Amino acid sequence: MQELNEAYLVKLDDLAAEIQESEELQKYLEEEEEEMYLQLKEQYEPRIALIYDEVAEKDPLQLISLETVLLETAFEGLYLPKILGYSVLRGEINAHFKYARPQKHFKNVLMAICNSANFDILRKRIGQSIQMGFALSSDIWVTNLINAIDNKRVRYFLQSQKLDKYRYPENRKIGYDRYKRQFRNDNFHTAYFPESLSDLKSYYSPVKNFILYRVSKNWDNSSIVPNLKALIENDTFKGHQEHLEIITLYAMFFDLNEEDQKHLSTHLNDIRSTTEEFEEHFFTYLLRLHNRKDVDITPQADLHLSAALDKSVEDDLSKYYKLMDIVHTTGYMNEEAQEAVKAFYVQYEGLSTINECLRQAIYGYFHRFISNLETSDYPELFEISKLFPAYIAIFANQQFNQQLKELCLSYVNRLLKKYTDKRGKDYQDIKKFVSTAFQDFGFLKEKEIVEMFKTRRKRKKKTEG
């Protein structure tokens, strides 16, 4: 956790003073009506949100410090229901849908709400967050938290938020997934960067997920580069899988200046030469990244990592990224690239991890192209599919073929929902392409194609006799 920048503190101090001097607060204090508090909320929560969003985008490692400031009574509990929800979702969840470790910040936010003079109003906006936070925490931890509350009325309220249905992992999963969807458009992600080996093991997963979230949004991540550099150069971390994976993400997804690029290259090539079975561990992790639906290993990501490698070292890593340089610079459609892929591929067993990475890199091109086609662009599918036979022949891999089949079928199904006039040119062009190409590629049998384009007869309604 980083301390909040002075500029943010000044903004918050000014806003807190404005809230305390506001007409809306004075009316609320005089009349103590919920309607008056809601007017205060409508006036000032959007302004808190502006500061929050700025910190979350530019300085995400300062979010906990920001939220701690917002717990002060001068803010009258404004924005705390949101923060409580964020604190629930930040915790690392294990296979049983329980927190991997106690959530201290969740407790701090909840206690601030419970001790707020505005608790009776705030409680109407926090029930689901408490239910989920309690469900994910251990029973002992929840009991100790509730027992620390002196006010009986507040204590009874908290006890009522412990729901029996969440005793079962499957119900916790359903509840958590449903709850998480409410915040899918909110940026509240932060992380604690480990400084000791024990912390690296404990906090690796949240750090990894934080990095992947940040790079997926294309935000300016310069504020977290110093933390990543400190982690990467920590000698006690080197040789551990968690360190390898973080340095891989850093090398792939961060745009670095010359100094930082040199720093990365030094430490990446150091662990490459000193870590046992480095290549095996690296390609295993690379394949895992390729297989994640929330990660897109773009050509630029491969080129970033390639630039950090010392390719004078004669190993599989150098061979693979020399090939990637050819594929990404000349283009996967180019015959030279296809020949290079073929020459590389035959050097290894078909099901080797390195070859699986290569197949996924090529499939990534097809996936990015076809999944982003509009329905009006269907002639481009006809053109791109001319490349299928070359790569199907090179790889001779059923999984690769199946991936291409599912990708094309998904797009064709979109087309058939739009082009429903069976006599229209669009429909006929699509039918002709699928009938010929899908059989040639081995995607579908003739019977399956006939079934796809069969006219469905509507059942006649029975008439009353």
Protein backbone atom coordinates (compact mmCIF):
# COMPACT_ATOMS: atom_id res chain seq x y z
CA MET A 1 0.00 0.00 0.00
CA GLN A 2 1.27 3.45 -0.91
CA GLU A 3 0.54 6.69 0.91
CA LEU A 4 -1.82 9.06 -0.83
CA ASN A 5 -0.21 11.82 -2.86
CA GLU A 6 -0.40 15.31 -1.37
CA ALA A 7 -2.42 16.58 -4.35
CA TYR A 8 -5.16 14.03 -3.66
CA LEU A 9 -5.12 14.81 0.07
CA VAL A 10 -5.65 18.51 -0.65
CA LYS A 11 -8.64 17.71 -2.88
CA LEU A 12 -10.15 15.49 -0.19
CA ASP A 13 -9.55 18.01 2.60
CA ASP A 14 -11.24 20.72 0.53
CA LEU A 15 -14.17 18.45 -0.24
CA ALA A 16 -14.56 17.38 3.41
CA ALA A 17 -14.64 21.03 4.49
CA GLU A 18 -17.22 21.80 1.82
CA ILE A 19 -19.40 18.90 2.98
CA GLN A 20 -19.26 20.07 6.60
CA GLU A 21 -20.21 23.63 5.60
CA SER A 22 -22.88 22.61 3.10
CA GLU A 23 -26.50 23.63 3.33
CA GLU A 24 -27.55 20.02 2.65
CA LEU A 25 -25.73 18.76 5.75
CA GLN A 26 -27.14 21.52 7.93
CA LYS A 27 -30.68 20.64 6.85
CA TYR A 28 -30.04 16.97 7.52
CA LEU A 29 -28.64 17.65 10.99
CA GLU A 30 -31.61 19.85 11.85
CA GLU A 31 -34.38 17.63 10.50
CA GLU A 32 -32.68 14.19 10.62
CA GLU A 33 -34.76 13.07 7.66
CA GLU A 34 -33.44 10.42 5.27
CA GLU A 35 -34.50 12.56 2.32
CA MET A 36 -32.07 15.26 3.44
CA TYR A 37 -29.19 12.77 3.61
CA LEU A 38 -30.02 11.53 0.13
CA GLN A 39 -29.72 15.10 -1.13
CA LEU A 40 -26.28 15.27 0.49
CA LYS A 41 -25.38 11.99 -1.20
CA GLU A 42 -26.54 13.18 -4.63
CA GLN A 43 -24.55 16.38 -4.27
CA TYR A 44 -21.21 14.99 -3.06
CA GLU A 45 -20.83 11.28 -3.92
CA PRO A 46 -20.28 12.03 -7.64
CA ARG A 47 -17.45 14.39 -6.66
CA ILE A 48 -15.89 11.75 -4.42
CA ALA A 49 -16.23 9.32 -7.33
CA LEU A 50 -14.26 11.66 -9.61
CA ILE A 51 -11.32 11.68 -7.19
CA TYR A 52 -11.63 7.93 -6.65
CA ASP A 53 -11.61 7.20 -10.40
CA GLU A 54 -8.56 9.43 -10.91
CA VAL A 55 -6.59 7.59 -8.23
CA ALA A 56 -7.77 4.19 -9.48
CA GLU A 57 -6.60 4.95 -13.01
CA LYS A 58 -3.33 6.78 -12.34
CA ASP A 59 -2.18 5.56 -8.91
CA PRO A 60 -4.01 2.32 -8.11
CA LEU A 61 -1.57 1.34 -5.34
CA GLN A 62 -2.86 4.33 -3.33
CA LEU A 63 -6.50 3.19 -3.29
CA ILE A 64 -6.43 1.69 0.21
CA SER A 65 -4.96 4.94 1.55
CA LEU A 66 -7.68 6.89 -0.23
CA GLU A 67 -10.41 4.66 1.17
CA THR A 68 -8.94 5.00 4.66
CA VAL A 69 -9.21 8.79 4.40
CA LEU A 70 -12.84 8.46 3.31
CA LEU A 71 -13.59 6.56 6.54
CA GLU A 72 -13.17 9.82 8.48
CA THR A 73 -16.36 11.23 10.01
CA ALA A 74 -16.00 14.49 8.05
CA PHE A 75 -17.23 12.63 4.95
CA GLU A 76 -20.43 11.57 6.76
CA GLY A 77 -20.27 7.98 5.48
CA LEU A 78 -20.60 9.07 1.85
CA TYR A 79 -19.30 6.51 -0.66
CA LEU A 80 -18.69 3.94 2.08
CA PRO A 81 -21.25 1.42 0.74
CA LYS A 82 -19.30 1.37 -2.54
CA ILE A 83 -15.99 0.97 -0.72
CA LEU A 84 -17.41 -1.87 1.37
CA GLY A 85 -18.32 -3.69 -1.85
CA TYR A 86 -14.85 -3.15 -3.24
CA SER A 87 -13.27 -4.52 -0.06
CA VAL A 88 -15.40 -7.67 -0.35
CA LEU A 89 -14.30 -8.33 -3.92
CA ARG A 90 -10.58 -7.70 -3.43
CA GLY A 91 -10.03 -10.74 -1.24
CA GLU A 92 -8.40 -13.80 -2.77
CA ILE A 93 -10.89 -16.69 -3.00
CA ASN A 94 -9.81 -20.32 -2.59
CA ALA A 95 -11.32 -23.43 -4.19
CA HIS A 96 -13.98 -23.63 -1.46
CA PHE A 97 -15.04 -20.02 -2.08
CA LYS A 98 -13.60 -18.78 1.17
CA TYR A 99 -11.05 -16.02 1.67
CA ALA A 100 -7.46 -17.26 1.54
CA ARG A 101 -6.67 -14.87 4.42
CA PRO A 102 -8.73 -12.57 6.73
CA GLN A 103 -9.82 -9.31 5.13
CA LYS A 104 -8.70 -6.56 7.47
CA HIS A 105 -9.77 -3.73 5.20
CA PHE A 106 -13.29 -5.17 4.88
CA LYS A 107 -13.47 -5.17 8.68
CA ASN A 108 -12.21 -1.58 8.93
CA VAL A 109 -14.74 -0.26 6.44
CA LEU A 110 -17.59 -2.19 8.03
CA MET A 111 -16.67 -0.96 11.53
CA ALA A 112 -16.56 2.63 10.25
CA ILE A 113 -20.09 2.22 8.88
CA CYS A 114 -21.34 0.57 12.08
CA ASN A 115 -19.91 3.42 14.19
CA SER A 116 -21.24 6.12 11.88
CA ALA A 117 -23.91 8.49 13.11
CA ASN A 118 -25.63 7.77 9.78
CA PHE A 119 -25.69 3.99 10.23
CA ASP A 120 -29.49 3.68 10.06
CA ILE A 121 -29.44 5.12 6.54
CA LEU A 122 -26.27 3.42 5.35
CA ARG A 123 -27.46 -0.02 6.48
CA LYS A 124 -30.06 0.02 3.68
CA ARG A 125 -27.25 -0.01 1.09
CA ILE A 126 -24.86 -2.56 2.56
CA GLY A 127 -26.85 -5.73 3.30
CA GLN A 128 -25.73 -7.72 0.28
CA SER A 129 -22.09 -6.70 0.73
CA ILE A 130 -22.10 -7.84 4.37
CA GLN A 131 -23.82 -11.11 3.46
CA MET A 132 -21.18 -11.88 0.84
CA GLY A 133 -18.26 -10.74 3.01
CA PHE A 134 -19.47 -12.87 5.91
CA ALA A 135 -20.10 -15.86 3.63
CA LEU A 136 -16.52 -15.75 2.33
CA SER A 137 -14.99 -15.29 5.81
CA SER A 138 -14.53 -17.94 8.50
CA ASP A 139 -17.23 -18.31 11.16
CA ILE A 140 -14.77 -17.53 13.94
CA TRP A 141 -13.63 -14.33 12.24
CA VAL A 142 -17.23 -13.17 11.70
CA THR A 143 -18.20 -14.00 15.30
CA ASN A 144 -15.25 -12.05 16.69
CA LEU A 145 -16.11 -9.06 14.51
CA ILE A 146 -19.75 -9.02 15.60
CA ASN A 147 -18.85 -9.43 19.27
CA ALA A 148 -16.60 -6.36 19.03
CA ILE A 149 -19.70 -4.20 18.40
CA ASP A 150 -21.05 -2.61 21.58
CA ASN A 151 -24.37 -1.39 20.16
CA LYS A 152 -26.89 -4.25 20.50
CA ARG A 153 -29.07 -2.97 17.64
CA VAL A 154 -26.10 -2.92 15.26
CA ARG A 155 -24.93 -6.30 16.52
CA TYR A 156 -28.33 -7.88 15.84
CA PHE A 157 -28.34 -6.38 12.35
CA LEU A 158 -24.96 -7.93 11.58
CA GLN A 159 -26.02 -11.30 12.96
CA SER A 160 -29.03 -11.27 10.63
CA GLN A 161 -26.68 -10.97 7.64
CA LYS A 162 -25.19 -14.42 8.26
CA LEU A 163 -27.22 -16.55 5.82
CA ASP A 164 -27.51 -20.32 6.19
CA LYS A 165 -27.61 -20.86 2.42
CA TYR A 166 -23.99 -19.76 2.18
CA ARG A 167 -22.82 -22.66 4.31
CA TYR A 168 -22.45 -24.61 1.04
CA PRO A 169 -19.60 -23.85 -1.43
CA GLU A 170 -21.83 -24.12 -4.49
CA ASN A 171 -24.18 -21.47 -3.09
CA ARG A 172 -21.26 -19.23 -2.19
CA LYS A 173 -20.00 -19.49 -5.77
CA ILE A 174 -23.41 -18.59 -7.22
CA GLY A 175 -23.81 -15.70 -4.80
CA TYR A 176 -20.27 -14.42 -5.38
CA ASP A 177 -20.55 -14.53 -9.18
CA ARG A 178 -23.89 -12.72 -9.06
CA TYR A 179 -22.57 -10.12 -6.63
CA LYS A 180 -19.39 -9.51 -8.65
CA ARG A 181 -21.39 -8.66 -11.78
CA GLN A 182 -22.73 -5.52 -10.09
CA PHE A 183 -19.19 -4.08 -10.05
CA ARG A 184 -17.94 -5.27 -13.44
CA ASN A 185 -17.65 -1.70 -14.76
CA ASP A 186 -15.97 -0.30 -11.62
CA ASN A 187 -12.22 0.22 -11.35
CA PHE A 188 -11.23 -0.57 -7.76
CA HIS A 189 -8.36 -3.04 -8.24
CA THR A 190 -5.16 -2.67 -6.27
CA ALA A 191 -2.48 -4.95 -4.87
CA TYR A 192 0.14 -5.36 -2.18
CA PHE A 193 3.54 -5.95 -3.77
CA PRO A 194 5.51 -8.51 -1.72
CA GLU A 195 8.90 -7.72 -0.23
CA SER A 196 9.69 -11.08 1.37
CA LEU A 197 9.63 -14.62 -0.03
CA SER A 198 6.75 -15.64 2.24
CA ASP A 199 4.76 -12.65 1.00
CA LEU A 200 5.55 -13.58 -2.61
CA LYS A 201 3.97 -16.99 -2.04
CA SER A 202 0.98 -15.50 -0.22
CA TYR A 203 0.25 -12.49 -2.41
CA TYR A 204 1.32 -13.75 -5.82
CA SER A 205 -2.19 -14.51 -7.09
CA PRO A 206 -3.68 -11.06 -6.28
CA VAL A 207 -0.62 -9.32 -7.78
CA LYS A 208 -0.86 -11.41 -10.95
CA ASN A 209 -4.60 -10.73 -11.34
CA PHE A 210 -4.03 -7.02 -10.68
CA ILE A 211 -1.39 -6.85 -13.43
CA LEU A 212 -3.60 -8.71 -15.91
CA TYR A 213 -6.52 -6.41 -15.10
CA ARG A 214 -4.42 -3.29 -15.59
CA VAL A 215 -2.94 -4.33 -18.93
CA SER A 216 -6.32 -5.46 -20.26
CA LYS A 217 -7.61 -1.88 -19.93
CA ASN A 218 -4.64 -0.21 -21.63
CA TRP A 219 -4.22 2.30 -18.80
CA ASP A 220 -1.04 4.20 -18.04
CA ASN A 221 0.79 1.80 -15.74
CA SER A 222 3.91 3.91 -15.18
CA SER A 223 3.05 4.34 -11.48
CA ILE A 224 3.43 0.62 -10.78
CA VAL A 225 6.63 0.10 -12.78
CA PRO A 226 8.90 0.98 -9.78
CA ASN A 227 7.15 -1.70 -7.69
CA LEU A 228 7.56 -4.27 -10.44
CA LYS A 229 11.22 -3.38 -10.87
CA ALA A 230 11.82 -3.82 -7.13
CA LEU A 231 10.08 -7.20 -7.22
CA ILE A 232 11.99 -8.35 -10.29
CA GLU A 233 15.44 -7.41 -8.97
CA ASN A 234 14.85 -9.07 -5.58
CA ASP A 235 17.47 -11.85 -5.51
CA THR A 236 15.54 -13.92 -2.95
CA PHE A 237 12.66 -14.24 -5.43
CA LYS A 238 14.75 -15.46 -8.35
CA GLY A 239 14.35 -19.11 -9.23
CA HIS A 240 10.77 -19.23 -7.95
CA GLN A 241 7.88 -19.82 -10.36
CA GLU A 242 5.96 -16.79 -9.11
CA HIS A 243 8.89 -14.53 -9.96
CA LEU A 244 9.19 -16.05 -13.44
CA GLU A 245 5.51 -15.51 -14.14
CA ILE A 246 5.47 -11.89 -13.00
CA ILE A 247 8.57 -11.01 -15.01
CA THR A 248 6.95 -12.67 -18.04
CA LEU A 249 3.83 -10.52 -17.70
CA TYR A 250 5.97 -7.43 -17.20
CA ALA A 251 8.06 -8.20 -20.28
CA MET A 252 5.03 -8.83 -22.47
CA PHE A 253 2.54 -6.17 -21.53
CA PHE A 254 4.41 -3.04 -20.43
CA ASP A 255 5.69 -0.29 -22.71
CA LEU A 256 9.05 0.55 -21.18
CA ASN A 257 11.56 3.32 -21.71
CA GLU A 258 15.15 2.49 -22.64
CA GLU A 259 16.41 2.41 -19.05
CA ASP A 260 13.60 0.18 -17.78
CA GLN A 261 13.92 -2.09 -20.83
CA LYS A 262 17.61 -2.60 -20.08
CA HIS A 263 16.79 -3.33 -16.43
CA LEU A 264 14.21 -5.93 -17.49
CA SER A 265 16.54 -7.55 -20.00
CA THR A 266 19.33 -7.87 -17.42
CA HIS A 267 17.17 -9.68 -14.87
CA LEU A 268 15.20 -11.78 -17.38
CA ASN A 269 18.36 -13.15 -18.96
CA ASP A 270 19.89 -13.65 -15.51
CA ILE A 271 17.10 -15.94 -14.30
CA ARG A 272 17.03 -17.59 -17.73
CA SER A 273 20.65 -18.68 -17.26
CA THR A 274 20.54 -19.52 -13.55
CA THR A 275 17.13 -21.19 -13.11
CA GLU A 276 16.91 -24.94 -13.59
CA GLU A 277 14.49 -26.04 -16.32
CA PHE A 278 13.71 -22.39 -17.06
CA GLU A 279 12.53 -23.07 -20.62
CA GLU A 280 10.14 -25.82 -19.53
CA HIS A 281 8.62 -23.60 -16.84
CA PHE A 282 8.46 -20.62 -19.19
CA PHE A 283 6.65 -22.40 -22.04
CA THR A 284 4.27 -24.11 -19.62
CA TYR A 285 3.26 -20.69 -18.27
CA LEU A 286 3.09 -19.17 -21.76
CA LEU A 287 0.67 -21.90 -22.79
CA ARG A 288 -1.46 -21.25 -19.71
CA LEU A 289 -1.66 -17.58 -20.71
CA HIS A 290 -2.64 -18.52 -24.26
CA ASN A 291 -5.44 -20.71 -22.90
CA ARG A 292 -6.92 -17.99 -20.67
CA LYS A 293 -9.96 -16.32 -22.18
CA ASP A 294 -9.22 -13.04 -20.40
CA VAL A 295 -5.68 -12.74 -21.80
CA ASP A 296 -4.81 -11.75 -25.36
CA ILE A 297 -1.19 -12.41 -26.27
CA THR A 298 -1.00 -10.01 -29.17
CA PRO A 299 1.85 -9.83 -31.68
CA GLN A 300 3.03 -6.72 -29.82
CA ALA A 301 3.24 -8.71 -26.56
CA ASP A 302 5.45 -11.33 -28.23
CA LEU A 303 7.64 -8.63 -29.78
CA HIS A 304 7.99 -6.94 -26.38
CA LEU A 305 9.27 -10.13 -24.78
CA SER A 306 11.46 -10.94 -27.76
CA ALA A 307 13.16 -7.55 -27.46
CA ALA A 308 14.16 -8.32 -23.86
CA LEU A 309 15.81 -11.65 -24.72
CA ASP A 310 19.46 -12.21 -25.51
CA LYS A 311 18.94 -14.24 -28.68
CA SER A 312 22.65 -14.98 -29.04
CA VAL A 313 21.97 -17.73 -26.50
CA GLU A 314 21.26 -20.90 -28.46
CA ASP A 315 18.23 -22.41 -26.78
CA ASP A 316 14.56 -23.08 -27.52
CA LEU A 317 13.57 -19.65 -26.20
CA SER A 318 15.75 -17.91 -28.78
CA LYS A 319 14.51 -20.20 -31.57
CA TYR A 320 10.87 -19.60 -30.65
CA TYR A 321 11.12 -15.83 -30.47
CA LYS A 322 13.20 -15.60 -33.64
CA LEU A 323 10.29 -17.39 -35.29
CA MET A 324 7.78 -15.06 -33.64
CA ASP A 325 9.74 -12.10 -34.98
CA ILE A 326 9.34 -13.47 -38.51
CA VAL A 327 5.65 -14.28 -38.09
CA HIS A 328 4.76 -10.93 -36.53
CA THR A 329 6.83 -8.74 -38.84
CA THR A 330 6.20 -10.44 -42.21
CA GLY A 331 2.67 -11.53 -41.32
CA TYR A 332 1.16 -14.96 -40.78
CA MET A 333 -0.38 -14.81 -44.27
CA ASN A 334 3.07 -14.60 -45.84
CA GLU A 335 4.46 -17.80 -47.39
CA GLU A 336 7.87 -17.11 -45.88
CA ALA A 337 6.29 -17.07 -42.41
CA GLN A 338 4.39 -20.28 -43.13
CA GLU A 339 7.58 -22.02 -44.25
CA ALA A 340 9.36 -20.80 -41.12
CA VAL A 341 6.54 -22.14 -38.95
CA LYS A 342 6.70 -25.50 -40.71
CA ALA A 343 10.49 -25.76 -40.39
CA PHE A 344 10.29 -24.93 -36.65
CA TYR A 345 7.31 -27.19 -35.95
CA VAL A 346 8.88 -30.41 -37.29
CA GLN A 347 11.85 -30.05 -34.90
CA TYR A 348 9.63 -30.89 -31.91
CA GLU A 349 7.00 -33.47 -31.04
CA GLY A 350 3.54 -32.41 -32.18
CA LEU A 351 2.14 -32.35 -28.64
CA SER A 352 5.17 -30.68 -27.07
CA THR A 353 4.47 -27.57 -25.02
CA ILE A 354 6.51 -25.35 -27.34
CA ASN A 355 4.51 -26.51 -30.36
CA GLU A 356 1.26 -25.97 -28.50
CA CYS A 357 2.36 -22.39 -27.83
CA LEU A 358 3.09 -21.95 -31.52
CA ARG A 359 -0.33 -23.27 -32.53
CA GLN A 360 -2.03 -20.93 -30.08
CA ALA A 361 -0.02 -17.97 -31.38
CA ILE A 362 -1.23 -18.68 -34.93
CA TYR A 363 -4.77 -19.40 -33.78
CA GLY A 364 -4.71 -16.04 -31.99
CA TYR A 365 -4.42 -14.31 -35.36
CA PHE A 366 -7.49 -16.09 -36.71
CA HIS A 367 -9.43 -15.51 -33.50
CA ARG A 368 -8.74 -11.78 -33.37
CA PHE A 369 -9.68 -11.39 -37.02
CA ILE A 370 -12.86 -13.47 -37.19
CA SER A 371 -14.29 -12.64 -33.75
CA ASN A 372 -14.12 -8.93 -34.63
CA LEU A 373 -15.85 -9.24 -38.00
CA GLU A 374 -19.20 -7.50 -38.41
CA THR A 375 -21.92 -9.55 -40.08
CA SER A 376 -21.67 -7.32 -43.15
CA ASP A 377 -18.00 -8.31 -43.51
CA TYR A 378 -18.64 -12.00 -44.20
CA PRO A 379 -16.73 -11.99 -47.54
CA GLU A 380 -13.60 -11.47 -45.41
CA LEU A 381 -14.24 -14.84 -43.76
CA PHE A 382 -14.17 -16.40 -47.22
CA GLU A 383 -10.76 -14.82 -47.85
CA ILE A 384 -9.14 -15.57 -44.51
CA SER A 385 -10.29 -19.20 -44.66
CA LYS A 386 -7.98 -19.71 -47.66
CA LEU A 387 -5.16 -19.83 -45.12
CA PHE A 388 -6.75 -22.65 -43.12
CA PRO A 389 -5.49 -25.55 -45.28
CA ALA A 390 -1.85 -24.44 -44.99
CA TYR A 391 -1.87 -24.32 -41.18
CA ILE A 392 -4.11 -27.38 -40.83
CA ALA A 393 -1.54 -29.31 -42.89
CA ILE A 394 1.45 -27.92 -40.94
CA PHE A 395 0.03 -28.69 -37.49
CA ALA A 396 -2.01 -31.84 -38.21
CA ASN A 397 -3.61 -31.26 -34.83
CA GLN A 398 -7.23 -32.05 -34.01
CA GLN A 399 -7.51 -29.47 -31.23
CA PHE A 400 -6.34 -26.68 -33.58
CA ASN A 401 -8.88 -27.80 -36.18
CA GLN A 402 -11.62 -27.89 -33.56
CA GLN A 403 -10.78 -24.36 -32.43
CA LEU A 404 -11.03 -23.07 -35.99
CA LYS A 405 -14.30 -24.94 -36.46
CA GLU A 406 -15.90 -23.45 -33.32
CA LEU A 407 -14.64 -19.98 -34.23
CA CYS A 408 -16.16 -20.17 -37.73
CA LEU A 409 -19.41 -21.77 -36.58
CA SER A 410 -19.93 -19.02 -34.03
CA TYR A 411 -19.59 -16.38 -36.76
CA VAL A 412 -21.74 -18.31 -39.27
CA ASN A 413 -24.51 -18.63 -36.67
CA ARG A 414 -24.44 -14.84 -36.27
CA LEU A 415 -24.74 -14.52 -40.05
CA LEU A 416 -27.74 -16.85 -40.25
CA LYS A 417 -29.56 -14.82 -37.61
CA LYS A 418 -29.16 -11.70 -39.74
CA TYR A 419 -29.56 -13.05 -43.26
CA THR A 420 -32.83 -14.94 -43.06
CA ASP A 421 -34.06 -14.50 -46.65
CA LYS A 422 -33.19 -17.89 -48.13
CA ARG A 423 -33.52 -16.52 -51.66
CA GLY A 424 -31.33 -13.50 -50.96
CA LYS A 425 -27.78 -13.23 -52.35
CA ASP A 426 -26.19 -12.96 -48.89
CA TYR A 427 -27.81 -16.16 -47.63
CA GLN A 428 -26.96 -18.06 -50.79
CA ASP A 429 -23.31 -16.90 -50.73
CA ILE A 430 -22.97 -18.02 -47.11
CA LYS A 431 -24.63 -21.36 -47.81
CA LYS A 432 -22.42 -22.01 -50.83
CA PHE A 433 -19.26 -21.21 -48.84
CA VAL A 434 -20.19 -23.36 -45.85
CA SER A 435 -21.36 -26.28 -48.00
CA THR A 436 -18.04 -26.45 -49.81
CA ALA A 437 -15.39 -25.12 -47.42
CA PHE A 438 -16.62 -26.70 -44.18
CA GLN A 439 -16.51 -30.14 -45.78
CA ASP A 440 -13.05 -29.50 -47.26
CA PHE A 441 -11.71 -28.38 -43.87
CA GLY A 442 -13.31 -31.37 -42.14
CA PHE A 443 -15.40 -29.10 -39.94
CA LEU A 444 -18.79 -30.64 -40.78
CA LYS A 445 -20.17 -33.64 -42.64
CA GLU A 446 -22.62 -33.24 -45.49
CA LYS A 447 -25.56 -34.30 -43.32
CA GLU A 448 -24.68 -31.68 -40.70
CA ILE A 449 -24.50 -28.96 -43.34
CA VAL A 450 -27.88 -29.97 -44.77
CA GLU A 451 -29.32 -29.82 -41.26
CA MET A 452 -27.84 -26.35 -40.68
CA PHE A 453 -29.63 -24.88 -43.71
CA LYS A 454 -32.81 -26.92 -43.47
CA THR A 455 -36.01 -24.88 -43.45
CA ARG A 456 -37.81 -25.33 -40.15
CA ARG A 457 -41.55 -25.79 -40.66
CA LYS A 458 -43.73 -24.04 -38.17
CA ARG A 459 -46.27 -26.25 -36.45
CA LYS A 460 -49.84 -25.37 -37.27
CA LYS A 461 -51.96 -24.41 -34.31
CA LYS A 462 -54.74 -26.84 -33.58
CA THR A 463 -58.16 -25.43 -34.39
CA GLU A 464 -60.96 -26.04 -32.01
CA GLY A 465 -63.44 -28.49 -33.50
